[in-house]
Amino acid sequence: MVTVASLILFPHILIAETQKEVIDKLEKFERKNISNLDPWDVAHLFGLTKVRRPSEWTSSKLLSLPVPKSNKQMSCLAEALYFEARGEPIKGQLAVGEVILNRVEDARYPSSICKVINQGTGRRFACQFTYTCDGKLETVHERQPYEMALKIAKILMTTHDRKLTRGSTHYHSNYVNPRWSKKFERIAKFGRHIFYRQPILVSQR
């Protein structure tokens, strides 16, 4: 809908054309520009992607939102969420994503999402994320969980405040007990994953 404010921005046009013609042109202009936007961004424009806290993200809310367009880094993040955390509570998936983004901003790790996820891949016992070195092809078989992962990746890369894990750089499943977990500060637990923050002066290797 064209607002009064829109008309005020084009006072010189009103002199030459009728108000109806101007409204028609503005509506066509707005429709054209909205059609070029990412559907997720349109939803965000209308306030549909805003939450006050991470706990407000529910499966039903995410399912109601459009699947966002993706770039390489976002696809890497969504893939990691799908293989590492699908089936986990939404907060648990957000927390796994936080670890990846926290590493991107940590000088001890690579400076891009894809590089963080694939660090050590192909070298024995060097993989940082299990699914990248389990010998299986990274093939997505479940469409809905993957679309959910894309939406969570979009949230993580845009509006999420990353306070769930308070700077955590590591996590592990609750059925394993890696050596580094005895040296790092335990921060939180979401679903089956336990999260830790790597001390500045302690190397993980």
N, C-alpha and C. Protein backbone atom coordinates (compact mmCIF):
# COMPACT_ATOMS: atom_id res chain seq x y z
N MET A 1 0.85 -1.20 0.00
CA MET A 1 0.00 0.00 0.00
C MET A 1 0.88 1.24 0.00
N VAL A 2 0.52 2.23 -0.81
CA VAL A 2 1.28 3.48 -0.89
C VAL A 2 0.82 4.40 0.23
N THR A 3 1.77 4.96 0.95
CA THR A 3 1.44 5.83 2.07
C THR A 3 1.49 7.29 1.64
N VAL A 4 0.97 8.15 2.52
CA VAL A 4 1.03 9.59 2.28
C VAL A 4 2.48 10.04 2.19
N ALA A 5 3.33 9.39 3.01
CA ALA A 5 4.75 9.75 3.01
C ALA A 5 5.37 9.52 1.64
N SER A 6 4.95 8.45 0.96
CA SER A 6 5.47 8.17 -0.38
C SER A 6 5.14 9.29 -1.33
N LEU A 7 3.93 9.82 -1.24
CA LEU A 7 3.50 10.89 -2.13
C LEU A 7 4.25 12.18 -1.86
N ILE A 8 4.56 12.42 -0.59
CA ILE A 8 5.28 13.64 -0.22
C ILE A 8 6.67 13.66 -0.86
N LEU A 9 7.25 12.47 -1.06
CA LEU A 9 8.58 12.38 -1.64
C LEU A 9 8.61 12.76 -3.12
N PHE A 10 7.41 12.79 -3.75
CA PHE A 10 7.37 13.07 -5.18
C PHE A 10 6.42 14.24 -5.49
N PRO A 11 6.56 15.41 -4.86
CA PRO A 11 5.63 16.53 -5.06
C PRO A 11 5.64 17.07 -6.48
N HIS A 12 6.82 17.00 -7.16
CA HIS A 12 6.90 17.55 -8.51
C HIS A 12 6.09 16.74 -9.50
N ILE A 13 5.91 15.46 -9.24
CA ILE A 13 5.12 14.61 -10.14
C ILE A 13 3.65 14.98 -10.04
N LEU A 14 3.21 15.32 -8.86
CA LEU A 14 1.79 15.63 -8.65
C LEU A 14 1.34 16.83 -9.50
N ILE A 15 2.28 17.71 -9.83
CA ILE A 15 1.93 18.88 -10.64
C ILE A 15 1.52 18.45 -12.04
N ALA A 16 2.21 17.44 -12.59
CA ALA A 16 1.99 17.05 -13.98
C ALA A 16 0.98 15.92 -14.15
N GLU A 17 0.76 15.17 -13.12
CA GLU A 17 -0.10 14.00 -13.26
C GLU A 17 -1.15 13.97 -12.16
N THR A 18 -2.16 13.20 -12.40
CA THR A 18 -3.18 13.07 -11.37
C THR A 18 -2.68 12.20 -10.24
N GLN A 19 -3.34 12.33 -9.09
CA GLN A 19 -2.95 11.53 -7.93
C GLN A 19 -3.06 10.04 -8.22
N LYS A 20 -4.09 9.65 -8.94
CA LYS A 20 -4.29 8.22 -9.23
C LYS A 20 -3.13 7.68 -10.07
N GLU A 21 -2.70 8.44 -11.07
CA GLU A 21 -1.60 7.98 -11.91
C GLU A 21 -0.32 7.81 -11.10
N VAL A 22 -0.09 8.75 -10.18
CA VAL A 22 1.10 8.67 -9.32
C VAL A 22 1.03 7.43 -8.44
N ILE A 23 -0.14 7.20 -7.83
CA ILE A 23 -0.31 6.04 -6.96
C ILE A 23 -0.07 4.75 -7.74
N ASP A 24 -0.60 4.68 -8.96
CA ASP A 24 -0.41 3.49 -9.78
C ASP A 24 1.07 3.25 -10.06
N LYS A 25 1.80 4.34 -10.38
CA LYS A 25 3.23 4.20 -10.66
C LYS A 25 4.01 3.76 -9.42
N LEU A 26 3.67 4.35 -8.28
CA LEU A 26 4.37 3.99 -7.04
C LEU A 26 4.10 2.54 -6.64
N GLU A 27 2.85 2.11 -6.83
CA GLU A 27 2.52 0.72 -6.49
C GLU A 27 3.28 -0.26 -7.38
N LYS A 28 3.38 0.08 -8.67
CA LYS A 28 4.13 -0.78 -9.59
C LYS A 28 5.61 -0.80 -9.20
N PHE A 29 6.12 0.38 -8.81
CA PHE A 29 7.53 0.47 -8.39
C PHE A 29 7.78 -0.39 -7.15
N GLU A 30 6.87 -0.30 -6.17
CA GLU A 30 7.04 -1.05 -4.93
C GLU A 30 6.91 -2.55 -5.16
N ARG A 31 5.95 -2.95 -6.02
CA ARG A 31 5.78 -4.37 -6.32
C ARG A 31 7.04 -4.93 -6.98
N LYS A 32 7.61 -4.15 -7.91
CA LYS A 32 8.81 -4.58 -8.62
C LYS A 32 9.96 -4.77 -7.65
N ASN A 33 10.14 -3.83 -6.74
CA ASN A 33 11.25 -3.91 -5.80
C ASN A 33 11.06 -5.02 -4.78
N ILE A 34 9.84 -5.22 -4.30
CA ILE A 34 9.57 -6.29 -3.36
C ILE A 34 9.80 -7.64 -4.02
N SER A 35 9.43 -7.77 -5.30
CA SER A 35 9.61 -9.05 -5.99
C SER A 35 11.08 -9.42 -6.15
N ASN A 36 11.95 -8.42 -6.08
CA ASN A 36 13.39 -8.68 -6.20
C ASN A 36 14.03 -9.02 -4.86
N LEU A 37 13.29 -8.86 -3.78
CA LEU A 37 13.84 -9.13 -2.46
C LEU A 37 13.79 -10.62 -2.13
N ASP A 38 14.69 -11.02 -1.23
CA ASP A 38 14.63 -12.35 -0.64
C ASP A 38 13.30 -12.46 0.11
N PRO A 39 12.52 -13.53 -0.10
CA PRO A 39 11.24 -13.69 0.62
C PRO A 39 11.40 -13.53 2.13
N TRP A 40 12.55 -13.98 2.66
CA TRP A 40 12.81 -13.84 4.10
C TRP A 40 12.89 -12.36 4.47
N ASP A 41 13.54 -11.58 3.62
CA ASP A 41 13.68 -10.15 3.91
C ASP A 41 12.34 -9.43 3.86
N VAL A 42 11.45 -9.90 2.98
CA VAL A 42 10.10 -9.33 2.94
C VAL A 42 9.38 -9.64 4.25
N ALA A 43 9.51 -10.89 4.71
CA ALA A 43 8.89 -11.27 5.99
C ALA A 43 9.46 -10.44 7.13
N HIS A 44 10.77 -10.19 7.06
CA HIS A 44 11.42 -9.38 8.10
C HIS A 44 10.91 -7.94 8.05
N LEU A 45 10.66 -7.44 6.84
CA LEU A 45 10.14 -6.10 6.65
C LEU A 45 8.82 -5.90 7.38
N PHE A 46 8.04 -6.97 7.43
CA PHE A 46 6.73 -6.92 8.09
C PHE A 46 6.79 -7.38 9.55
N GLY A 47 8.00 -7.54 10.08
CA GLY A 47 8.17 -7.87 11.49
C GLY A 47 7.93 -9.32 11.84
N LEU A 48 7.88 -10.20 10.84
CA LEU A 48 7.55 -11.61 11.11
C LEU A 48 8.75 -12.41 11.61
N THR A 49 9.95 -11.85 11.49
CA THR A 49 11.14 -12.59 11.91
C THR A 49 11.73 -12.04 13.21
N LYS A 50 10.99 -11.18 13.88
CA LYS A 50 11.52 -10.55 15.09
C LYS A 50 11.07 -11.32 16.33
N VAL A 51 12.03 -11.58 17.22
CA VAL A 51 11.72 -12.20 18.51
C VAL A 51 12.49 -11.45 19.58
N ARG A 52 11.99 -11.50 20.80
CA ARG A 52 12.67 -10.81 21.90
C ARG A 52 13.76 -11.68 22.51
N ARG A 53 13.60 -13.00 22.43
CA ARG A 53 14.58 -13.91 22.98
C ARG A 53 14.57 -15.21 22.16
N PRO A 54 15.69 -15.97 22.15
CA PRO A 54 15.77 -17.18 21.35
C PRO A 54 14.69 -18.21 21.63
N SER A 55 14.21 -18.25 22.88
CA SER A 55 13.18 -19.24 23.24
C SER A 55 11.87 -19.02 22.49
N GLU A 56 11.71 -17.84 21.90
CA GLU A 56 10.49 -17.55 21.14
C GLU A 56 10.52 -18.19 19.75
N TRP A 57 11.70 -18.66 19.34
CA TRP A 57 11.75 -19.38 18.07
C TRP A 57 11.24 -20.80 18.30
N THR A 58 10.17 -21.13 17.66
CA THR A 58 9.59 -22.47 17.76
C THR A 58 9.56 -23.09 16.36
N SER A 59 9.39 -24.40 16.33
CA SER A 59 9.31 -25.09 15.04
C SER A 59 8.15 -24.55 14.21
N SER A 60 7.02 -24.32 14.86
CA SER A 60 5.84 -23.85 14.12
C SER A 60 6.07 -22.45 13.57
N LYS A 61 6.76 -21.59 14.33
CA LYS A 61 7.04 -20.24 13.84
C LYS A 61 7.98 -20.30 12.64
N LEU A 62 9.01 -21.13 12.74
CA LEU A 62 9.96 -21.25 11.64
C LEU A 62 9.31 -21.85 10.40
N LEU A 63 8.45 -22.84 10.61
CA LEU A 63 7.78 -23.48 9.48
C LEU A 63 6.88 -22.49 8.73
N SER A 64 6.38 -21.48 9.45
CA SER A 64 5.48 -20.51 8.83
C SER A 64 6.21 -19.48 7.98
N LEU A 65 7.54 -19.42 8.11
CA LEU A 65 8.32 -18.42 7.39
C LEU A 65 8.87 -18.98 6.08
N PRO A 66 9.11 -18.10 5.10
CA PRO A 66 9.63 -18.57 3.80
C PRO A 66 11.08 -19.03 3.92
N VAL A 67 11.49 -19.89 3.00
CA VAL A 67 12.88 -20.35 2.96
C VAL A 67 13.73 -19.22 2.37
N PRO A 68 14.76 -18.78 3.08
CA PRO A 68 15.57 -17.66 2.57
C PRO A 68 16.49 -18.07 1.44
N LYS A 69 16.86 -17.09 0.63
CA LYS A 69 17.88 -17.34 -0.38
C LYS A 69 19.21 -17.53 0.34
N SER A 70 20.09 -18.32 -0.29
CA SER A 70 21.33 -18.68 0.39
C SER A 70 22.56 -18.33 -0.45
N ASN A 71 23.66 -18.00 0.22
CA ASN A 71 24.95 -17.86 -0.45
C ASN A 71 25.87 -18.97 0.05
N LYS A 72 27.11 -18.98 -0.38
CA LYS A 72 28.02 -20.07 -0.05
C LYS A 72 28.20 -20.24 1.46
N GLN A 73 28.46 -19.13 2.17
CA GLN A 73 28.72 -19.22 3.61
C GLN A 73 27.48 -19.68 4.37
N MET A 74 26.33 -19.18 3.98
CA MET A 74 25.09 -19.58 4.64
C MET A 74 24.79 -21.05 4.36
N SER A 75 25.08 -21.51 3.15
CA SER A 75 24.86 -22.92 2.81
C SER A 75 25.76 -23.82 3.65
N CYS A 76 27.01 -23.40 3.85
CA CYS A 76 27.93 -24.17 4.71
C CYS A 76 27.38 -24.27 6.13
N LEU A 77 26.88 -23.14 6.65
CA LEU A 77 26.34 -23.12 8.01
C LEU A 77 25.10 -24.00 8.11
N ALA A 78 24.21 -23.91 7.13
CA ALA A 78 23.00 -24.72 7.14
C ALA A 78 23.34 -26.20 7.05
N GLU A 79 24.33 -26.54 6.24
CA GLU A 79 24.75 -27.94 6.12
C GLU A 79 25.26 -28.47 7.46
N ALA A 80 26.08 -27.65 8.15
CA ALA A 80 26.60 -28.07 9.45
C ALA A 80 25.47 -28.26 10.46
N LEU A 81 24.51 -27.35 10.46
CA LEU A 81 23.36 -27.48 11.37
C LEU A 81 22.56 -28.74 11.06
N TYR A 82 22.40 -29.03 9.78
CA TYR A 82 21.63 -30.20 9.37
C TYR A 82 22.31 -31.50 9.83
N PHE A 83 23.61 -31.62 9.59
CA PHE A 83 24.30 -32.87 9.91
C PHE A 83 24.71 -32.98 11.38
N GLU A 84 24.93 -31.84 12.02
CA GLU A 84 25.38 -31.87 13.42
C GLU A 84 24.24 -31.77 14.42
N ALA A 85 23.14 -31.13 14.04
CA ALA A 85 22.16 -30.79 15.08
C ALA A 85 20.70 -30.95 14.69
N ARG A 86 20.39 -31.49 13.50
CA ARG A 86 18.97 -31.64 13.18
C ARG A 86 18.33 -32.60 14.19
N GLY A 87 17.11 -32.30 14.53
CA GLY A 87 16.45 -33.09 15.56
C GLY A 87 16.63 -32.52 16.96
N GLU A 88 17.58 -31.60 17.10
CA GLU A 88 17.79 -30.93 18.38
C GLU A 88 16.75 -29.82 18.56
N PRO A 89 16.50 -29.37 19.80
CA PRO A 89 15.63 -28.20 20.00
C PRO A 89 16.18 -27.00 19.22
N ILE A 90 15.33 -26.04 18.91
CA ILE A 90 15.77 -24.86 18.15
C ILE A 90 16.93 -24.18 18.86
N LYS A 91 16.84 -24.02 20.18
CA LYS A 91 17.93 -23.38 20.91
C LYS A 91 19.22 -24.18 20.78
N GLY A 92 19.11 -25.49 20.72
CA GLY A 92 20.28 -26.34 20.54
C GLY A 92 20.93 -26.14 19.19
N GLN A 93 20.11 -25.96 18.15
CA GLN A 93 20.64 -25.71 16.81
C GLN A 93 21.26 -24.32 16.73
N LEU A 94 20.62 -23.36 17.35
CA LEU A 94 21.20 -22.01 17.41
C LEU A 94 22.55 -22.03 18.12
N ALA A 95 22.63 -22.82 19.19
CA ALA A 95 23.86 -22.89 19.97
C ALA A 95 25.00 -23.50 19.15
N VAL A 96 24.73 -24.54 18.39
CA VAL A 96 25.75 -25.13 17.52
C VAL A 96 26.22 -24.10 16.49
N GLY A 97 25.28 -23.36 15.93
CA GLY A 97 25.64 -22.31 14.98
C GLY A 97 26.47 -21.22 15.63
N GLU A 98 26.17 -20.90 16.88
CA GLU A 98 26.95 -19.88 17.60
C GLU A 98 28.42 -20.28 17.69
N VAL A 99 28.67 -21.55 17.97
CA VAL A 99 30.05 -22.02 18.08
C VAL A 99 30.81 -21.77 16.79
N ILE A 100 30.17 -22.08 15.68
CA ILE A 100 30.82 -21.87 14.37
C ILE A 100 31.12 -20.39 14.15
N LEU A 101 30.14 -19.53 14.42
CA LEU A 101 30.34 -18.09 14.23
C LEU A 101 31.34 -17.52 15.23
N ASN A 102 31.35 -18.06 16.46
CA ASN A 102 32.33 -17.62 17.44
C ASN A 102 33.75 -17.93 16.96
N ARG A 103 33.91 -19.08 16.34
CA ARG A 103 35.24 -19.44 15.81
C ARG A 103 35.66 -18.52 14.67
N VAL A 104 34.71 -18.16 13.83
CA VAL A 104 35.03 -17.25 12.72
C VAL A 104 35.64 -15.96 13.25
N GLU A 105 35.19 -15.49 14.41
CA GLU A 105 35.67 -14.23 14.99
C GLU A 105 36.87 -14.43 15.92
N ASP A 106 37.32 -15.67 16.07
CA ASP A 106 38.45 -15.99 16.94
C ASP A 106 39.70 -16.16 16.07
N ALA A 107 40.76 -15.44 16.37
CA ALA A 107 41.98 -15.45 15.55
C ALA A 107 42.64 -16.82 15.50
N ARG A 108 42.28 -17.71 16.40
CA ARG A 108 42.88 -19.04 16.40
C ARG A 108 42.28 -19.97 15.35
N TYR A 109 41.20 -19.49 14.71
CA TYR A 109 40.49 -20.31 13.74
C TYR A 109 40.38 -19.58 12.41
N PRO A 110 40.02 -20.31 11.35
CA PRO A 110 39.85 -19.66 10.03
C PRO A 110 38.82 -18.54 10.09
N SER A 111 38.88 -17.66 9.11
CA SER A 111 38.07 -16.43 9.16
C SER A 111 36.79 -16.49 8.33
N SER A 112 36.37 -17.67 7.90
CA SER A 112 35.09 -17.79 7.19
C SER A 112 34.35 -19.01 7.70
N ILE A 113 33.04 -19.00 7.52
CA ILE A 113 32.21 -20.10 8.01
C ILE A 113 32.62 -21.42 7.37
N CYS A 114 32.74 -21.43 6.05
CA CYS A 114 33.07 -22.68 5.35
C CYS A 114 34.43 -23.21 5.78
N LYS A 115 35.41 -22.32 5.96
CA LYS A 115 36.75 -22.76 6.36
C LYS A 115 36.77 -23.29 7.79
N VAL A 116 35.99 -22.67 8.67
CA VAL A 116 35.89 -23.17 10.05
C VAL A 116 35.33 -24.58 10.06
N ILE A 117 34.26 -24.78 9.32
CA ILE A 117 33.59 -26.09 9.30
C ILE A 117 34.49 -27.17 8.71
N ASN A 118 35.24 -26.83 7.68
CA ASN A 118 36.06 -27.82 6.98
C ASN A 118 37.50 -27.88 7.47
N GLN A 119 37.81 -27.16 8.52
CA GLN A 119 39.17 -27.18 9.06
C GLN A 119 39.57 -28.60 9.45
N GLY A 120 40.69 -29.05 8.92
CA GLY A 120 41.18 -30.39 9.26
C GLY A 120 40.58 -31.52 8.47
N THR A 121 39.59 -31.25 7.66
CA THR A 121 38.95 -32.31 6.88
C THR A 121 39.97 -32.98 5.97
N GLY A 122 39.97 -34.31 5.99
CA GLY A 122 40.92 -35.07 5.16
C GLY A 122 42.17 -35.48 5.91
N ARG A 123 42.36 -34.93 7.13
CA ARG A 123 43.52 -35.33 7.94
C ARG A 123 43.04 -36.15 9.14
N ARG A 124 43.65 -37.24 9.41
CA ARG A 124 43.22 -38.14 10.47
C ARG A 124 43.21 -37.45 11.82
N PHE A 125 42.09 -37.58 12.53
CA PHE A 125 41.89 -37.01 13.87
C PHE A 125 42.01 -35.48 13.89
N ALA A 126 41.89 -34.84 12.73
CA ALA A 126 42.02 -33.38 12.70
C ALA A 126 40.70 -32.67 12.41
N CYS A 127 39.67 -33.41 12.08
CA CYS A 127 38.38 -32.79 11.77
C CYS A 127 37.82 -32.08 12.99
N GLN A 128 37.27 -30.91 12.78
CA GLN A 128 36.66 -30.15 13.86
C GLN A 128 35.19 -30.49 14.04
N PHE A 129 34.55 -30.94 12.96
CA PHE A 129 33.14 -31.31 13.01
C PHE A 129 33.00 -32.73 12.44
N THR A 130 32.46 -33.61 13.25
CA THR A 130 32.47 -35.04 12.96
C THR A 130 31.96 -35.39 11.57
N TYR A 131 30.89 -34.77 11.14
CA TYR A 131 30.28 -35.19 9.88
C TYR A 131 31.18 -34.95 8.67
N THR A 132 32.20 -34.10 8.81
CA THR A 132 33.07 -33.83 7.67
C THR A 132 34.14 -34.90 7.48
N CYS A 133 34.25 -35.84 8.41
CA CYS A 133 35.27 -36.88 8.27
C CYS A 133 34.76 -38.25 8.67
N ASP A 134 33.44 -38.47 8.54
CA ASP A 134 32.90 -39.77 8.89
C ASP A 134 32.88 -40.75 7.72
N GLY A 135 33.44 -40.31 6.59
CA GLY A 135 33.51 -41.18 5.44
C GLY A 135 32.24 -41.25 4.61
N LYS A 136 31.22 -40.52 5.01
CA LYS A 136 29.95 -40.54 4.28
C LYS A 136 29.81 -39.28 3.43
N LEU A 137 29.10 -39.41 2.31
CA LEU A 137 28.82 -38.25 1.49
C LEU A 137 27.83 -37.33 2.21
N GLU A 138 28.06 -36.02 2.12
CA GLU A 138 27.14 -35.08 2.76
C GLU A 138 25.92 -34.89 1.86
N THR A 139 25.00 -35.83 1.94
CA THR A 139 23.80 -35.79 1.10
C THR A 139 22.58 -35.51 1.96
N VAL A 140 21.84 -34.48 1.57
CA VAL A 140 20.63 -34.12 2.31
C VAL A 140 19.47 -34.98 1.83
N HIS A 141 18.91 -35.75 2.76
CA HIS A 141 17.80 -36.65 2.41
C HIS A 141 16.46 -36.15 2.95
N GLU A 142 16.51 -35.24 3.93
CA GLU A 142 15.28 -34.76 4.56
C GLU A 142 15.10 -33.27 4.26
N ARG A 143 14.12 -32.97 3.42
CA ARG A 143 13.96 -31.60 2.94
C ARG A 143 13.56 -30.64 4.06
N GLN A 144 12.57 -31.01 4.87
CA GLN A 144 12.07 -30.08 5.88
C GLN A 144 13.14 -29.71 6.91
N PRO A 145 13.87 -30.68 7.48
CA PRO A 145 14.94 -30.29 8.42
C PRO A 145 16.01 -29.42 7.77
N TYR A 146 16.28 -29.64 6.48
CA TYR A 146 17.28 -28.81 5.82
C TYR A 146 16.76 -27.39 5.62
N GLU A 147 15.51 -27.26 5.24
CA GLU A 147 14.93 -25.91 5.10
C GLU A 147 14.91 -25.20 6.45
N MET A 148 14.65 -25.97 7.51
CA MET A 148 14.70 -25.39 8.86
C MET A 148 16.12 -24.92 9.18
N ALA A 149 17.11 -25.72 8.76
CA ALA A 149 18.51 -25.35 8.99
C ALA A 149 18.87 -24.07 8.24
N LEU A 150 18.34 -23.91 7.02
CA LEU A 150 18.58 -22.69 6.26
C LEU A 150 18.01 -21.47 6.99
N LYS A 151 16.82 -21.63 7.54
CA LYS A 151 16.19 -20.52 8.26
C LYS A 151 16.98 -20.17 9.52
N ILE A 152 17.44 -21.19 10.23
CA ILE A 152 18.22 -20.95 11.45
C ILE A 152 19.56 -20.30 11.10
N ALA A 153 20.16 -20.74 9.98
CA ALA A 153 21.41 -20.13 9.53
C ALA A 153 21.20 -18.65 9.21
N LYS A 154 20.08 -18.34 8.58
CA LYS A 154 19.77 -16.94 8.25
C LYS A 154 19.62 -16.12 9.53
N ILE A 155 18.93 -16.66 10.51
CA ILE A 155 18.76 -15.97 11.79
C ILE A 155 20.11 -15.72 12.44
N LEU A 156 20.96 -16.75 12.46
CA LEU A 156 22.28 -16.63 13.08
C LEU A 156 23.13 -15.56 12.41
N MET A 157 22.99 -15.43 11.10
CA MET A 157 23.84 -14.50 10.35
C MET A 157 23.26 -13.09 10.27
N THR A 158 22.06 -12.90 10.81
CA THR A 158 21.43 -11.57 10.72
C THR A 158 21.01 -11.01 12.08
N THR A 159 20.01 -11.59 12.71
CA THR A 159 19.40 -10.95 13.89
C THR A 159 19.74 -11.58 15.23
N HIS A 160 20.33 -12.77 15.23
CA HIS A 160 20.58 -13.47 16.50
C HIS A 160 21.71 -12.80 17.28
N ASP A 161 21.53 -12.67 18.62
CA ASP A 161 22.52 -11.94 19.42
C ASP A 161 23.65 -12.82 19.96
N ARG A 162 23.59 -14.11 19.75
CA ARG A 162 24.65 -15.06 20.11
C ARG A 162 24.99 -15.05 21.61
N LYS A 163 23.98 -14.97 22.45
CA LYS A 163 24.22 -14.96 23.90
C LYS A 163 23.99 -16.33 24.55
N LEU A 164 23.48 -17.29 23.80
CA LEU A 164 23.16 -18.59 24.38
C LEU A 164 24.40 -19.28 24.94
N THR A 165 25.50 -19.25 24.18
CA THR A 165 26.69 -20.01 24.58
C THR A 165 27.81 -19.13 25.11
N ARG A 166 27.59 -17.82 25.18
CA ARG A 166 28.53 -16.88 25.79
C ARG A 166 29.98 -17.10 25.31
N GLY A 167 30.14 -17.10 24.01
CA GLY A 167 31.48 -17.19 23.44
C GLY A 167 32.05 -18.60 23.32
N SER A 168 31.22 -19.61 23.45
CA SER A 168 31.71 -20.99 23.36
C SER A 168 32.35 -21.27 22.00
N THR A 169 33.43 -22.05 22.04
CA THR A 169 34.15 -22.42 20.81
C THR A 169 34.10 -23.92 20.56
N HIS A 170 33.56 -24.67 21.50
CA HIS A 170 33.53 -26.13 21.38
C HIS A 170 32.22 -26.69 21.92
N TYR A 171 31.89 -27.87 21.47
CA TYR A 171 30.78 -28.63 22.06
C TYR A 171 31.02 -30.11 21.78
N HIS A 172 30.37 -30.93 22.56
CA HIS A 172 30.41 -32.37 22.28
C HIS A 172 29.09 -32.99 22.71
N SER A 173 28.80 -34.16 22.17
CA SER A 173 27.58 -34.87 22.55
C SER A 173 27.73 -35.41 23.97
N ASN A 174 26.60 -35.61 24.63
CA ASN A 174 26.65 -36.01 26.04
C ASN A 174 27.07 -37.46 26.26
N TYR A 175 27.30 -38.21 25.18
CA TYR A 175 27.73 -39.60 25.34
C TYR A 175 29.23 -39.79 25.09
N VAL A 176 29.96 -38.68 24.88
CA VAL A 176 31.42 -38.77 24.74
C VAL A 176 32.07 -37.84 25.75
N ASN A 177 33.39 -38.03 25.95
CA ASN A 177 34.10 -37.22 26.95
C ASN A 177 35.51 -36.89 26.43
N PRO A 178 35.61 -35.94 25.50
CA PRO A 178 36.92 -35.61 24.92
C PRO A 178 37.87 -35.03 25.95
N ARG A 179 39.17 -35.21 25.70
CA ARG A 179 40.18 -34.75 26.67
C ARG A 179 40.12 -33.25 26.91
N TRP A 180 39.85 -32.48 25.84
CA TRP A 180 39.86 -31.03 26.01
C TRP A 180 38.76 -30.54 26.95
N SER A 181 37.70 -31.33 27.14
CA SER A 181 36.59 -30.89 27.99
C SER A 181 37.00 -30.72 29.44
N LYS A 182 38.11 -31.34 29.83
CA LYS A 182 38.60 -31.20 31.21
C LYS A 182 39.37 -29.89 31.39
N LYS A 183 39.80 -29.29 30.27
CA LYS A 183 40.59 -28.07 30.36
C LYS A 183 39.77 -26.81 30.09
N PHE A 184 38.67 -26.96 29.37
CA PHE A 184 37.87 -25.81 28.96
C PHE A 184 36.73 -25.54 29.94
N GLU A 185 36.30 -24.31 29.97
CA GLU A 185 35.20 -23.91 30.85
C GLU A 185 33.86 -24.37 30.28
N ARG A 186 33.12 -25.12 31.07
CA ARG A 186 31.80 -25.56 30.63
C ARG A 186 30.83 -24.38 30.75
N ILE A 187 30.08 -24.11 29.67
CA ILE A 187 29.22 -22.93 29.63
C ILE A 187 27.74 -23.28 29.70
N ALA A 188 27.29 -24.24 28.92
CA ALA A 188 25.85 -24.51 28.85
C ALA A 188 25.59 -25.89 28.25
N LYS A 189 24.37 -26.31 28.35
CA LYS A 189 23.93 -27.57 27.74
C LYS A 189 22.58 -27.33 27.07
N PHE A 190 22.48 -27.70 25.81
CA PHE A 190 21.22 -27.62 25.06
C PHE A 190 21.02 -28.94 24.35
N GLY A 191 19.89 -29.58 24.61
CA GLY A 191 19.65 -30.87 23.99
C GLY A 191 20.72 -31.86 24.42
N ARG A 192 21.31 -32.55 23.46
CA ARG A 192 22.34 -33.55 23.79
C ARG A 192 23.75 -32.98 23.69
N HIS A 193 23.90 -31.67 23.47
CA HIS A 193 25.22 -31.08 23.32
C HIS A 193 25.60 -30.24 24.54
N ILE A 194 26.87 -30.36 24.93
CA ILE A 194 27.43 -29.57 26.03
C ILE A 194 28.44 -28.60 25.42
N PHE A 195 28.39 -27.35 25.85
CA PHE A 195 29.18 -26.28 25.21
C PHE A 195 30.27 -25.76 26.15
N TYR A 196 31.43 -25.45 25.54
CA TYR A 196 32.60 -25.02 26.30
C TYR A 196 33.26 -23.81 25.63
N ARG A 197 33.96 -23.03 26.46
CA ARG A 197 34.74 -21.91 25.94
C ARG A 197 36.23 -22.22 26.11
N GLN A 198 36.96 -22.12 25.02
CA GLN A 198 38.39 -22.41 25.04
C GLN A 198 39.16 -21.25 25.68
N PRO A 199 39.93 -21.52 26.71
CA PRO A 199 40.72 -20.45 27.34
C PRO A 199 41.71 -19.85 26.36
N ILE A 200 42.04 -18.61 26.55
CA ILE A 200 42.95 -17.90 25.63
C ILE A 200 44.32 -18.58 25.56
N LEU A 201 44.82 -19.04 26.70
CA LEU A 201 46.20 -19.55 26.73
C LEU A 201 46.30 -21.06 26.59
N VAL A 202 45.18 -21.73 26.32
CA VAL A 202 45.22 -23.19 26.20
C VAL A 202 44.93 -23.58 24.77
N SER A 203 45.80 -24.37 24.18
CA SER A 203 45.58 -24.85 22.82
C SER A 203 44.77 -26.12 22.86
N GLN A 204 43.94 -26.34 21.84
CA GLN A 204 43.13 -27.55 21.80
C GLN A 204 43.95 -28.74 21.32
N ARG A 205 45.16 -28.50 20.82
CA ARG A 205 45.97 -29.59 20.30
C ARG A 205 47.09 -29.95 21.28
